[in-house]
Amino acid sequence: MTWSVVGGSGFIGGAVLTSLRAAGEAARPVAAPRVASSARTPGEIAAEADRHSDVVEALARELAGSTVVVNAAGAASPKSPASPELTGANALLPVLVARACAAAGVRRLVHLSSAAVQGHRPVLDESPETEPFSPYSRSKALGEESLALLSSGALEVVSVRATSVQGAARPTTAALARLAASPLASVASPGTAPSPLTSVDALAELVRQVGLHDGPMPAIVLQPWEGMTVRSVLEATGGTPLVLPAPLCRLILRAGYGVSALLRERLHGSIRRVELMWFGQDQIAGWTAEQRITLPARVSSILEEAGARRRGPRRAP
């Protein structure tokens, strides 16, 4: 097999390349073209894709000979306002990559999506149902929906919904470590809700397993959790979270989202992070459990490392 990773120089793309090469797979990075879009529906995305035939042709030449293509490109910006660049990266580009894969005779496309497309749903699942709540999650949902409508013959498209991915070099992980050490570190009572935080190592291995699977695949695969609770996440970084009454937390969140709505959802991304810190999010077992696939559970050690880095080296007595 030959793998191509579109966006292989990024945080997730680089981890996927490392995982593939460590397993002895032939894998190469492919630079992602920059495209912008003002589309709001899958039909409009398809129409805009028609106007980018030159991009598709150029990508098809680069992807020629690939068995599996991973689309790890996109704008991972949960706090970003709506923009043509955000929609282009997260909705139009996946369709262009899929069309290029079909033209190049690729067998399977693994598209990196996000669990954010299901928004505030109490339980994440692998259904096509989405409830986006922010510009970022809407752009990712539009990408999924547009791919689902794509008729590409022999090409099989699988959208992997990544959850809250953490890594030693990721700024969001460092920010979480700072938050855990601050007076704002808190959870909603009783603090035992499952946390969707996962490691980039687990995501990279999941992508590899999806690409290698011999047999038909579901259109959507959800990245499984790693067994941490909202409280253990903060404690892993060295924090001691306050336990707040759940009704108070819900009241604060409702007020926060109301204020953000008046500001054109500019605060939705930040408020959602607080919501996940307090309440976490449950999920079904999904395809990986059905296939009995075991992924590395490393998010706890990543958080511990981030906490130690924040505290700095210990001074000798």
C-alpha atoms as a PDB file:
ATOM      1  CA  MET A   1       0.000   0.000   0.000  1.00  0.00           C
ATOM      2  CA  THR A   2       1.010   3.564  -0.634  1.00  0.00           C
ATOM      3  CA  TRP A   3      -0.367   6.359   1.542  1.00  0.00           C
ATOM      4  CA  SER A   4      -0.569  10.079   0.839  1.00  0.00           C
ATOM      5  CA  VAL A   5      -1.324  12.532   3.640  1.00  0.00           C
ATOM      6  CA  VAL A   6      -2.751  15.851   2.503  1.00  0.00           C
ATOM      7  CA  GLY A   7      -1.689  18.386   5.107  1.00  0.00           C
ATOM      8  CA  GLY A   8       1.135  16.154   6.288  1.00  0.00           C
ATOM      9  CA  SER A   9       3.116  19.080   7.682  1.00  0.00           C
ATOM     10  CA  GLY A  10       0.443  19.947  10.248  1.00  0.00           C
ATOM     11  CA  PHE A  11      -0.035  18.751  13.827  1.00  0.00           C
ATOM     12  CA  ILE A  12      -2.323  15.817  13.065  1.00  0.00           C
ATOM     13  CA  GLY A  13      -0.986  15.134   9.578  1.00  0.00           C
ATOM     14  CA  GLY A  14       2.555  14.925  10.929  1.00  0.00           C
ATOM     15  CA  ALA A  15       1.469  12.482  13.638  1.00  0.00           C
ATOM     16  CA  VAL A  16      -0.288  10.322  11.034  1.00  0.00           C
ATOM     17  CA  LEU A  17       2.849  10.246   8.876  1.00  0.00           C
ATOM     18  CA  THR A  18       4.980   9.292  11.867  1.00  0.00           C
ATOM     19  CA  SER A  19       2.586   6.498  12.837  1.00  0.00           C
ATOM     20  CA  LEU A  20       2.438   5.119   9.302  1.00  0.00           C
ATOM     21  CA  ARG A  21       6.173   5.150   8.791  1.00  0.00           C
ATOM     22  CA  ALA A  22       6.800   3.579  12.202  1.00  0.00           C
ATOM     23  CA  ALA A  23       4.529   0.728  11.133  1.00  0.00           C
ATOM     24  CA  GLY A  24       6.521   0.259   7.937  1.00  0.00           C
ATOM     25  CA  GLU A  25       3.997   1.860   5.598  1.00  0.00           C
ATOM     26  CA  ALA A  26       5.077   3.835   2.543  1.00  0.00           C
ATOM     27  CA  ALA A  27       3.695   7.298   3.255  1.00  0.00           C
ATOM     28  CA  ARG A  28       4.311  10.715   1.773  1.00  0.00           C
ATOM     29  CA  PRO A  29       3.061  14.229   2.584  1.00  0.00           C
ATOM     30  CA  VAL A  30       1.103  16.278   0.076  1.00  0.00           C
ATOM     31  CA  ALA A  31       0.752  20.030   0.427  1.00  0.00           C
ATOM     32  CA  ALA A  32      -2.828  21.238   0.720  1.00  0.00           C
ATOM     33  CA  PRO A  33      -3.928  23.974  -1.687  1.00  0.00           C
ATOM     34  CA  ARG A  34      -5.449  27.077  -0.160  1.00  0.00           C
ATOM     35  CA  VAL A  35      -9.030  27.674  -1.253  1.00  0.00           C
ATOM     36  CA  ALA A  36     -11.810  29.958  -0.053  1.00  0.00           C
ATOM     37  CA  SER A  37     -15.553  29.505  -0.270  1.00  0.00           C
ATOM     38  CA  SER A  38     -18.709  31.447   0.490  1.00  0.00           C
ATOM     39  CA  ALA A  39     -20.917  28.346   0.143  1.00  0.00           C
ATOM     40  CA  ARG A  40     -23.490  27.440   2.767  1.00  0.00           C
ATOM     41  CA  THR A  41     -24.924  24.203   1.378  1.00  0.00           C
ATOM     42  CA  PRO A  42     -23.502  20.990  -0.095  1.00  0.00           C
ATOM     43  CA  GLY A  43     -24.984  21.956  -3.451  1.00  0.00           C
ATOM     44  CA  GLU A  44     -23.136  25.271  -3.399  1.00  0.00           C
ATOM     45  CA  ILE A  45     -19.926  23.474  -2.399  1.00  0.00           C
ATOM     46  CA  ALA A  46     -20.333  21.142  -5.395  1.00  0.00           C
ATOM     47  CA  ALA A  47     -20.855  24.109  -7.706  1.00  0.00           C
ATOM     48  CA  GLU A  48     -17.730  25.828  -6.389  1.00  0.00           C
ATOM     49  CA  ALA A  49     -15.764  22.598  -6.739  1.00  0.00           C
ATOM     50  CA  ASP A  50     -16.724  22.554 -10.425  1.00  0.00           C
ATOM     51  CA  ARG A  51     -14.918  25.862 -10.786  1.00  0.00           C
ATOM     52  CA  HIS A  52     -11.696  24.458  -9.284  1.00  0.00           C
ATOM     53  CA  SER A  53     -10.991  21.767 -11.885  1.00  0.00           C
ATOM     54  CA  ASP A  54      -7.386  22.960 -12.128  1.00  0.00           C
ATOM     55  CA  VAL A  55      -6.852  22.295  -8.422  1.00  0.00           C
ATOM     56  CA  VAL A  56      -8.415  18.846  -8.745  1.00  0.00           C
ATOM     57  CA  GLU A  57      -6.208  17.988 -11.722  1.00  0.00           C
ATOM     58  CA  ALA A  58      -3.053  19.111  -9.938  1.00  0.00           C
ATOM     59  CA  LEU A  59      -3.942  17.118  -6.816  1.00  0.00           C
ATOM     60  CA  ALA A  60      -4.810  14.046  -8.884  1.00  0.00           C
ATOM     61  CA  ARG A  61      -1.317  14.086 -10.384  1.00  0.00           C
ATOM     62  CA  GLU A  62       0.235  14.213  -6.920  1.00  0.00           C
ATOM     63  CA  LEU A  63      -2.018  11.462  -5.569  1.00  0.00           C
ATOM     64  CA  ALA A  64      -1.454   9.099  -8.482  1.00  0.00           C
ATOM     65  CA  GLY A  65      -0.330   5.686  -7.278  1.00  0.00           C
ATOM     66  CA  SER A  66      -1.801   6.107  -3.796  1.00  0.00           C
ATOM     67  CA  THR A  67      -3.908   3.329  -2.294  1.00  0.00           C
ATOM     68  CA  VAL A  68      -5.165   5.378   0.649  1.00  0.00           C
ATOM     69  CA  VAL A  69      -5.282   9.150   1.016  1.00  0.00           C
ATOM     70  CA  VAL A  70      -5.669  10.899   4.359  1.00  0.00           C
ATOM     71  CA  ASN A  71      -7.057  14.420   4.329  1.00  0.00           C
ATOM     72  CA  ALA A  72      -5.554  15.942   7.463  1.00  0.00           C
ATOM     73  CA  ALA A  73      -5.709  19.469   6.090  1.00  0.00           C
ATOM     74  CA  GLY A  74      -8.129  22.087   7.348  1.00  0.00           C
ATOM     75  CA  ALA A  75      -8.472  24.985   9.727  1.00  0.00           C
ATOM     76  CA  ALA A  76      -8.431  23.721  13.321  1.00  0.00           C
ATOM     77  CA  SER A  77      -9.726  26.984  14.728  1.00  0.00           C
ATOM     78  CA  PRO A  78     -12.702  26.455  17.076  1.00  0.00           C
ATOM     79  CA  LYS A  79     -12.627  30.126  18.088  1.00  0.00           C
ATOM     80  CA  SER A  80     -12.517  31.528  14.550  1.00  0.00           C
ATOM     81  CA  PRO A  81     -15.322  33.695  13.174  1.00  0.00           C
ATOM     82  CA  ALA A  82     -17.059  32.699   9.970  1.00  0.00           C
ATOM     83  CA  SER A  83     -14.951  33.404   6.887  1.00  0.00           C
ATOM     84  CA  PRO A  84     -14.466  32.171   3.310  1.00  0.00           C
ATOM     85  CA  GLU A  85     -11.075  30.806   4.370  1.00  0.00           C
ATOM     86  CA  LEU A  86     -12.627  28.686   7.140  1.00  0.00           C
ATOM     87  CA  THR A  87     -15.306  27.269   4.837  1.00  0.00           C
ATOM     88  CA  GLY A  88     -12.773  26.720   2.074  1.00  0.00           C
ATOM     89  CA  ALA A  89     -10.396  24.749   4.273  1.00  0.00           C
ATOM     90  CA  ASN A  90     -13.003  22.648   6.073  1.00  0.00           C
ATOM     91  CA  ALA A  91     -15.741  22.155   3.472  1.00  0.00           C
ATOM     92  CA  LEU A  92     -14.573  22.897  -0.069  1.00  0.00           C
ATOM     93  CA  LEU A  93     -11.091  21.370   0.189  1.00  0.00           C
ATOM     94  CA  PRO A  94     -12.337  17.907   1.291  1.00  0.00           C
ATOM     95  CA  VAL A  95     -14.521  17.726  -1.822  1.00  0.00           C
ATOM     96  CA  LEU A  96     -11.630  18.781  -4.060  1.00  0.00           C
ATOM     97  CA  VAL A  97      -9.427  16.109  -2.458  1.00  0.00           C
ATOM     98  CA  ALA A  98     -12.155  13.486  -2.928  1.00  0.00           C
ATOM     99  CA  ARG A  99     -12.569  14.391  -6.590  1.00  0.00           C
ATOM    100  CA  ALA A 100      -8.812  14.206  -7.065  1.00  0.00           C
ATOM    101  CA  CYS A 101      -8.750  10.792  -5.373  1.00  0.00           C
ATOM    102  CA  ALA A 102     -11.473   9.514  -7.685  1.00  0.00           C
ATOM    103  CA  ALA A 103      -9.558  10.769 -10.731  1.00  0.00           C
ATOM    104  CA  ALA A 104      -6.323   9.172  -9.470  1.00  0.00           C
ATOM    105  CA  GLY A 105      -7.908   5.769  -8.793  1.00  0.00           C
ATOM    106  CA  VAL A 106      -7.446   5.920  -5.000  1.00  0.00           C
ATOM    107  CA  ARG A 107      -9.221   3.133  -3.105  1.00  0.00           C
ATOM    108  CA  ARG A 108     -10.076   4.909   0.156  1.00  0.00           C
ATOM    109  CA  LEU A 109     -10.104   8.492   1.426  1.00  0.00           C
ATOM    110  CA  VAL A 110      -9.895   9.019   5.185  1.00  0.00           C
ATOM    111  CA  HIS A 111     -11.144  12.513   5.954  1.00  0.00           C
ATOM    112  CA  LEU A 112     -10.330  14.055   9.339  1.00  0.00           C
ATOM    113  CA  SER A 113     -13.524  15.623  10.631  1.00  0.00           C
ATOM    114  CA  SER A 114     -14.451  16.696  14.160  1.00  0.00           C
ATOM    115  CA  ALA A 115     -16.891  15.565  16.853  1.00  0.00           C
ATOM    116  CA  ALA A 116     -17.732  19.262  17.151  1.00  0.00           C
ATOM    117  CA  VAL A 117     -20.194  18.735  14.286  1.00  0.00           C
ATOM    118  CA  GLN A 118     -22.565  17.162  16.834  1.00  0.00           C
ATOM    119  CA  GLY A 119     -22.291  20.154  19.139  1.00  0.00           C
ATOM    120  CA  HIS A 120     -24.055  19.873  22.480  1.00  0.00           C
ATOM    121  CA  ARG A 121     -25.556  16.431  21.961  1.00  0.00           C
ATOM    122  CA  PRO A 122     -25.297  14.554  25.274  1.00  0.00           C
ATOM    123  CA  VAL A 123     -23.976  11.441  23.506  1.00  0.00           C
ATOM    124  CA  LEU A 124     -21.691  11.527  20.466  1.00  0.00           C
ATOM    125  CA  ASP A 125     -22.351   8.861  17.849  1.00  0.00           C
ATOM    126  CA  GLU A 126     -21.512   7.821  14.296  1.00  0.00           C
ATOM    127  CA  SER A 127     -24.773   8.915  12.701  1.00  0.00           C
ATOM    128  CA  PRO A 128     -24.887  11.556   9.940  1.00  0.00           C
ATOM    129  CA  GLU A 129     -26.950  13.763  12.252  1.00  0.00           C
ATOM    130  CA  THR A 130     -25.181  17.001  13.156  1.00  0.00           C
ATOM    131  CA  GLU A 131     -25.933  19.928  15.471  1.00  0.00           C
ATOM    132  CA  PRO A 132     -23.192  22.496  14.770  1.00  0.00           C
ATOM    133  CA  PHE A 133     -23.191  25.512  17.043  1.00  0.00           C
ATOM    134  CA  SER A 134     -20.328  27.712  15.836  1.00  0.00           C
ATOM    135  CA  PRO A 135     -18.672  28.842  12.588  1.00  0.00           C
ATOM    136  CA  TYR A 136     -15.974  26.188  12.980  1.00  0.00           C
ATOM    137  CA  SER A 137     -18.360  23.309  13.665  1.00  0.00           C
ATOM    138  CA  ARG A 138     -20.645  24.424  10.823  1.00  0.00           C
ATOM    139  CA  SER A 139     -17.729  24.402   8.388  1.00  0.00           C
ATOM    140  CA  LYS A 140     -16.733  20.888   9.465  1.00  0.00           C
ATOM    141  CA  ALA A 141     -20.347  19.682   9.264  1.00  0.00           C
ATOM    142  CA  LEU A 142     -20.667  21.164   5.784  1.00  0.00           C
ATOM    143  CA  GLY A 143     -17.544  19.254   4.777  1.00  0.00           C
ATOM    144  CA  GLU A 144     -19.034  15.961   6.007  1.00  0.00           C
ATOM    145  CA  GLU A 145     -22.379  16.602   4.320  1.00  0.00           C
ATOM    146  CA  SER A 146     -20.737  17.555   1.043  1.00  0.00           C
ATOM    147  CA  LEU A 147     -18.605  14.417   1.021  1.00  0.00           C
ATOM    148  CA  ALA A 148     -21.640  12.261   1.793  1.00  0.00           C
ATOM    149  CA  LEU A 149     -23.344  13.491  -1.370  1.00  0.00           C
ATOM    150  CA  LEU A 150     -20.293  12.903  -3.520  1.00  0.00           C
ATOM    151  CA  SER A 151     -20.737  10.149  -6.096  1.00  0.00           C
ATOM    152  CA  SER A 152     -17.235   8.905  -6.810  1.00  0.00           C
ATOM    153  CA  GLY A 153     -17.578   5.337  -8.079  1.00  0.00           C
ATOM    154  CA  ALA A 154     -14.980   2.996  -6.584  1.00  0.00           C
ATOM    155  CA  LEU A 155     -13.668   5.543  -4.068  1.00  0.00           C
ATOM    156  CA  GLU A 156     -14.690   4.848  -0.463  1.00  0.00           C
ATOM    157  CA  VAL A 157     -14.866   7.938   1.765  1.00  0.00           C
ATOM    158  CA  VAL A 158     -14.673   7.645   5.561  1.00  0.00           C
ATOM    159  CA  SER A 159     -14.991  10.680   7.837  1.00  0.00           C
ATOM    160  CA  VAL A 160     -13.165  10.164  11.143  1.00  0.00           C
ATOM    161  CA  ARG A 161     -14.648  12.401  13.825  1.00  0.00           C
ATOM    162  CA  ALA A 162     -11.770  13.392  16.060  1.00  0.00           C
ATOM    163  CA  THR A 163     -12.635  14.495  19.574  1.00  0.00           C
ATOM    164  CA  SER A 164     -10.571  16.932  21.681  1.00  0.00           C
ATOM    165  CA  VAL A 165      -7.112  15.909  20.480  1.00  0.00           C
ATOM    166  CA  GLN A 166      -4.139  16.681  22.727  1.00  0.00           C
ATOM    167  CA  GLY A 167      -0.421  16.547  22.048  1.00  0.00           C
ATOM    168  CA  ALA A 168       2.793  17.534  23.774  1.00  0.00           C
ATOM    169  CA  ALA A 169       3.470  20.308  21.247  1.00  0.00           C
ATOM    170  CA  ARG A 170      -0.103  21.557  20.908  1.00  0.00           C
ATOM    171  CA  PRO A 171      -0.903  25.052  22.248  1.00  0.00           C
ATOM    172  CA  THR A 172      -4.365  23.931  23.398  1.00  0.00           C
ATOM    173  CA  THR A 173      -2.746  21.324  25.643  1.00  0.00           C
ATOM    174  CA  ALA A 174      -0.448  23.941  27.192  1.00  0.00           C
ATOM    175  CA  ALA A 175      -3.468  26.204  27.671  1.00  0.00           C
ATOM    176  CA  LEU A 176      -5.305  23.380  29.432  1.00  0.00           C
ATOM    177  CA  ALA A 177      -2.354  22.901  31.786  1.00  0.00           C
ATOM    178  CA  ARG A 178      -2.420  26.605  32.658  1.00  0.00           C
ATOM    179  CA  LEU A 179      -6.162  26.454  33.254  1.00  0.00           C
ATOM    180  CA  ALA A 180      -5.825  23.405  35.499  1.00  0.00           C
ATOM    181  CA  ALA A 181      -3.377  25.307  37.697  1.00  0.00           C
ATOM    182  CA  SER A 182      -5.578  28.405  37.935  1.00  0.00           C
ATOM    183  CA  PRO A 183      -8.426  29.245  40.343  1.00  0.00           C
ATOM    184  CA  LEU A 184     -10.810  28.713  37.397  1.00  0.00           C
ATOM    185  CA  ALA A 185     -10.162  24.947  37.321  1.00  0.00           C
ATOM    186  CA  SER A 186     -13.514  23.399  38.164  1.00  0.00           C
ATOM    187  CA  VAL A 187     -15.983  20.651  37.279  1.00  0.00           C
ATOM    188  CA  ALA A 188     -19.740  20.296  37.567  1.00  0.00           C
ATOM    189  CA  SER A 189     -20.816  18.038  40.419  1.00  0.00           C
ATOM    190  CA  PRO A 190     -20.053  15.189  40.849  1.00  0.00           C
ATOM    191  CA  GLY A 191     -17.093  15.483  38.424  1.00  0.00           C
ATOM    192  CA  THR A 192     -17.348  11.937  37.088  1.00  0.00           C
ATOM    193  CA  ALA A 193     -18.634  12.774  33.587  1.00  0.00           C
ATOM    194  CA  PRO A 194     -16.606  11.207  30.749  1.00  0.00           C
ATOM    195  CA  SER A 195     -14.188  13.573  29.041  1.00  0.00           C
ATOM    196  CA  PRO A 196     -13.734  13.489  25.252  1.00  0.00           C
ATOM    197  CA  LEU A 197     -10.032  14.376  25.521  1.00  0.00           C
ATOM    198  CA  THR A 198      -7.848  12.029  23.486  1.00  0.00           C
ATOM    199  CA  SER A 199      -4.250  11.801  22.330  1.00  0.00           C
ATOM    200  CA  VAL A 200      -2.933  12.550  18.867  1.00  0.00           C
ATOM    201  CA  ASP A 201      -1.187   9.158  19.024  1.00  0.00           C
ATOM    202  CA  ALA A 202      -4.542   7.397  19.348  1.00  0.00           C
ATOM    203  CA  LEU A 203      -6.005   9.403  16.471  1.00  0.00           C
ATOM    204  CA  ALA A 204      -3.043   8.596  14.217  1.00  0.00           C
ATOM    205  CA  GLU A 205      -3.371   4.885  14.957  1.00  0.00           C
ATOM    206  CA  LEU A 206      -7.137   5.031  14.354  1.00  0.00           C
ATOM    207  CA  VAL A 207      -6.525   6.587  10.940  1.00  0.00           C
ATOM    208  CA  ARG A 208      -4.058   3.804  10.137  1.00  0.00           C
ATOM    209  CA  GLN A 209      -6.547   1.121  11.172  1.00  0.00           C
ATOM    210  CA  VAL A 210      -9.325   2.718   9.108  1.00  0.00           C
ATOM    211  CA  GLY A 211      -7.082   2.872   6.058  1.00  0.00           C
ATOM    212  CA  LEU A 212      -5.913  -0.727   6.438  1.00  0.00           C
ATOM    213  CA  HIS A 213      -9.299  -2.283   7.161  1.00  0.00           C
ATOM    214  CA  ASP A 214     -10.082  -5.058   4.721  1.00  0.00           C
ATOM    215  CA  GLY A 215     -13.774  -4.743   4.011  1.00  0.00           C
ATOM    216  CA  PRO A 216     -16.491  -2.130   3.711  1.00  0.00           C
ATOM    217  CA  MET A 217     -16.342   0.817   6.064  1.00  0.00           C
ATOM    218  CA  PRO A 218     -19.044   2.990   7.631  1.00  0.00           C
ATOM    219  CA  ALA A 219     -19.210   6.544   6.319  1.00  0.00           C
ATOM    220  CA  ILE A 220     -18.409   7.931   9.786  1.00  0.00           C
ATOM    221  CA  VAL A 221     -16.078   6.638  12.505  1.00  0.00           C
ATOM    222  CA  LEU A 222     -15.925   8.295  15.915  1.00  0.00           C
ATOM    223  CA  GLN A 223     -12.626   8.459  17.766  1.00  0.00           C
ATOM    224  CA  PRO A 224     -13.145   6.631  21.088  1.00  0.00           C
ATOM    225  CA  TRP A 225     -12.462   8.230  24.458  1.00  0.00           C
ATOM    226  CA  GLU A 226      -9.500   7.188  26.607  1.00  0.00           C
ATOM    227  CA  GLY A 227     -11.301   6.608  29.879  1.00  0.00           C
ATOM    228  CA  MET A 228     -10.713   9.948  31.592  1.00  0.00           C
ATOM    229  CA  THR A 229     -13.309  11.954  33.512  1.00  0.00           C
ATOM    230  CA  VAL A 230     -13.603  15.727  33.663  1.00  0.00           C
ATOM    231  CA  ARG A 231     -12.015  15.639  37.110  1.00  0.00           C
ATOM    232  CA  SER A 232      -9.143  13.281  36.272  1.00  0.00           C
ATOM    233  CA  VAL A 233      -8.243  15.443  33.253  1.00  0.00           C
ATOM    234  CA  LEU A 234      -7.558  18.460  35.453  1.00  0.00           C
ATOM    235  CA  GLU A 235      -5.889  16.376  38.148  1.00  0.00           C
ATOM    236  CA  ALA A 236      -3.555  14.770  35.596  1.00  0.00           C
ATOM    237  CA  THR A 237      -2.017  18.169  34.890  1.00  0.00           C
ATOM    238  CA  GLY A 238      -1.474  18.756  38.602  1.00  0.00           C
ATOM    239  CA  GLY A 239      -4.592  20.785  39.275  1.00  0.00           C
ATOM    240  CA  THR A 240      -7.118  20.512  42.098  1.00  0.00           C
ATOM    241  CA  PRO A 241     -10.490  21.410  40.582  1.00  0.00           C
ATOM    242  CA  LEU A 242     -13.377  22.924  42.457  1.00  0.00           C
ATOM    243  CA  VAL A 243     -16.622  20.973  42.337  1.00  0.00           C
ATOM    244  CA  LEU A 244     -19.442  23.374  41.438  1.00  0.00           C
ATOM    245  CA  PRO A 245     -23.193  22.749  41.585  1.00  0.00           C
ATOM    246  CA  ALA A 246     -24.343  21.518  38.171  1.00  0.00           C
ATOM    247  CA  PRO A 247     -27.397  23.855  38.044  1.00  0.00           C
ATOM    248  CA  LEU A 248     -25.122  26.873  38.592  1.00  0.00           C
ATOM    249  CA  CYS A 249     -22.814  25.730  35.785  1.00  0.00           C
ATOM    250  CA  ARG A 250     -25.747  25.366  33.395  1.00  0.00           C
ATOM    251  CA  LEU A 251     -27.007  28.833  34.303  1.00  0.00           C
ATOM    252  CA  ILE A 252     -23.594  30.373  33.636  1.00  0.00           C
ATOM    253  CA  LEU A 253     -23.310  28.584  30.299  1.00  0.00           C
ATOM    254  CA  ARG A 254     -26.776  29.692  29.219  1.00  0.00           C
ATOM    255  CA  ALA A 255     -25.901  33.297  30.015  1.00  0.00           C
ATOM    256  CA  GLY A 256     -22.538  33.006  28.269  1.00  0.00           C
ATOM    257  CA  TYR A 257     -24.004  31.628  25.062  1.00  0.00           C
ATOM    258  CA  GLY A 258     -26.636  34.370  25.161  1.00  0.00           C
ATOM    259  CA  VAL A 259     -23.990  37.083  25.346  1.00  0.00           C
ATOM    260  CA  SER A 260     -21.948  35.376  22.630  1.00  0.00           C
ATOM    261  CA  ALA A 261     -24.981  35.266  20.341  1.00  0.00           C
ATOM    262  CA  LEU A 262     -25.237  39.050  20.622  1.00  0.00           C
ATOM    263  CA  LEU A 263     -21.559  39.208  19.569  1.00  0.00           C
ATOM    264  CA  ARG A 264     -22.118  37.041  16.467  1.00  0.00           C
ATOM    265  CA  GLU A 265     -20.965  33.886  18.263  1.00  0.00           C
ATOM    266  CA  ARG A 266     -17.461  35.206  18.845  1.00  0.00           C
ATOM    267  CA  LEU A 267     -17.297  33.554  22.268  1.00  0.00           C
ATOM    268  CA  HIS A 268     -18.944  30.251  21.356  1.00  0.00           C
ATOM    269  CA  GLY A 269     -15.632  28.387  21.021  1.00  0.00           C
ATOM    270  CA  SER A 270     -14.320  29.539  24.404  1.00  0.00           C
ATOM    271  CA  ILE A 271     -17.614  28.880  26.169  1.00  0.00           C
ATOM    272  CA  ARG A 272     -17.793  25.413  24.653  1.00  0.00           C
ATOM    273  CA  ARG A 273     -14.385  24.617  26.147  1.00  0.00           C
ATOM    274  CA  VAL A 274     -15.664  25.608  29.573  1.00  0.00           C
ATOM    275  CA  GLU A 275     -18.730  23.443  28.996  1.00  0.00           C
ATOM    276  CA  LEU A 276     -16.537  20.451  28.170  1.00  0.00           C
ATOM    277  CA  MET A 277     -14.367  21.133  31.220  1.00  0.00           C
ATOM    278  CA  TRP A 278     -17.447  21.088  33.457  1.00  0.00           C
ATOM    279  CA  PHE A 279     -19.694  18.460  31.880  1.00  0.00           C
ATOM    280  CA  GLY A 280     -17.562  16.528  29.387  1.00  0.00           C
ATOM    281  CA  GLN A 281     -19.459  14.537  26.756  1.00  0.00           C
ATOM    282  CA  ASP A 282     -20.447  10.887  26.545  1.00  0.00           C
ATOM    283  CA  GLN A 283     -20.200   8.752  23.404  1.00  0.00           C
ATOM    284  CA  ILE A 284     -21.179   5.393  21.976  1.00  0.00           C
ATOM    285  CA  ALA A 285     -18.621   2.613  21.682  1.00  0.00           C
ATOM    286  CA  GLY A 286     -18.816   2.655  17.869  1.00  0.00           C
ATOM    287  CA  TRP A 287     -16.921   0.965  15.060  1.00  0.00           C
ATOM    288  CA  THR A 288     -13.606   0.550  16.890  1.00  0.00           C
ATOM    289  CA  ALA A 289     -15.305  -1.429  19.659  1.00  0.00           C
ATOM    290  CA  GLU A 290     -17.156  -3.584  17.122  1.00  0.00           C
ATOM    291  CA  GLN A 291     -13.838  -4.375  15.413  1.00  0.00           C
ATOM    292  CA  ARG A 292     -12.084  -4.895  18.765  1.00  0.00           C
ATOM    293  CA  ILE A 293      -9.429  -2.381  17.846  1.00  0.00           C
ATOM    294  CA  THR A 294      -7.186  -1.293  20.695  1.00  0.00           C
ATOM    295  CA  LEU A 295      -5.736   2.205  20.467  1.00  0.00           C
ATOM    296  CA  PRO A 296      -2.938   3.680  22.607  1.00  0.00           C
ATOM    297  CA  ALA A 297      -4.265   5.495  25.681  1.00  0.00           C
ATOM    298  CA  ARG A 298      -1.732   8.266  26.129  1.00  0.00           C
ATOM    299  CA  VAL A 299      -3.715  11.404  26.865  1.00  0.00           C
ATOM    300  CA  SER A 300      -3.118  11.062  30.611  1.00  0.00           C
ATOM    301  CA  SER A 301       0.676  11.010  30.195  1.00  0.00           C
ATOM    302  CA  ILE A 302       0.487  13.905  27.711  1.00  0.00           C
ATOM    303  CA  LEU A 303      -1.417  15.976  30.264  1.00  0.00           C
ATOM    304  CA  GLU A 304       1.012  15.046  33.027  1.00  0.00           C
ATOM    305  CA  GLU A 305       3.904  16.105  30.811  1.00  0.00           C
ATOM    306  CA  ALA A 306       2.178  19.395  30.005  1.00  0.00           C
ATOM    307  CA  GLY A 307       1.644  20.053  33.707  1.00  0.00           C
ATOM    308  CA  ALA A 308       5.283  19.301  34.511  1.00  0.00           C
ATOM    309  CA  ARG A 309       6.431  21.580  31.693  1.00  0.00           C
ATOM    310  CA  ARG A 310       4.273  24.398  33.015  1.00  0.00           C
ATOM    311  CA  ARG A 311       5.714  24.025  36.522  1.00  0.00           C
ATOM    312  CA  GLY A 312       9.257  24.011  35.169  1.00  0.00           C
ATOM    313  CA  PRO A 313      12.304  22.071  36.399  1.00  0.00           C
ATOM    314  CA  ARG A 314      12.503  21.358  40.103  1.00  0.00           C
ATOM    315  CA  ARG A 315      15.150  23.247  42.001  1.00  0.00           C
ATOM    316  CA  ALA A 316      17.709  21.277  43.920  1.00  0.00           C
ATOM    317  CA  PRO A 317      17.306  21.578  47.715  1.00  0.00           C
END
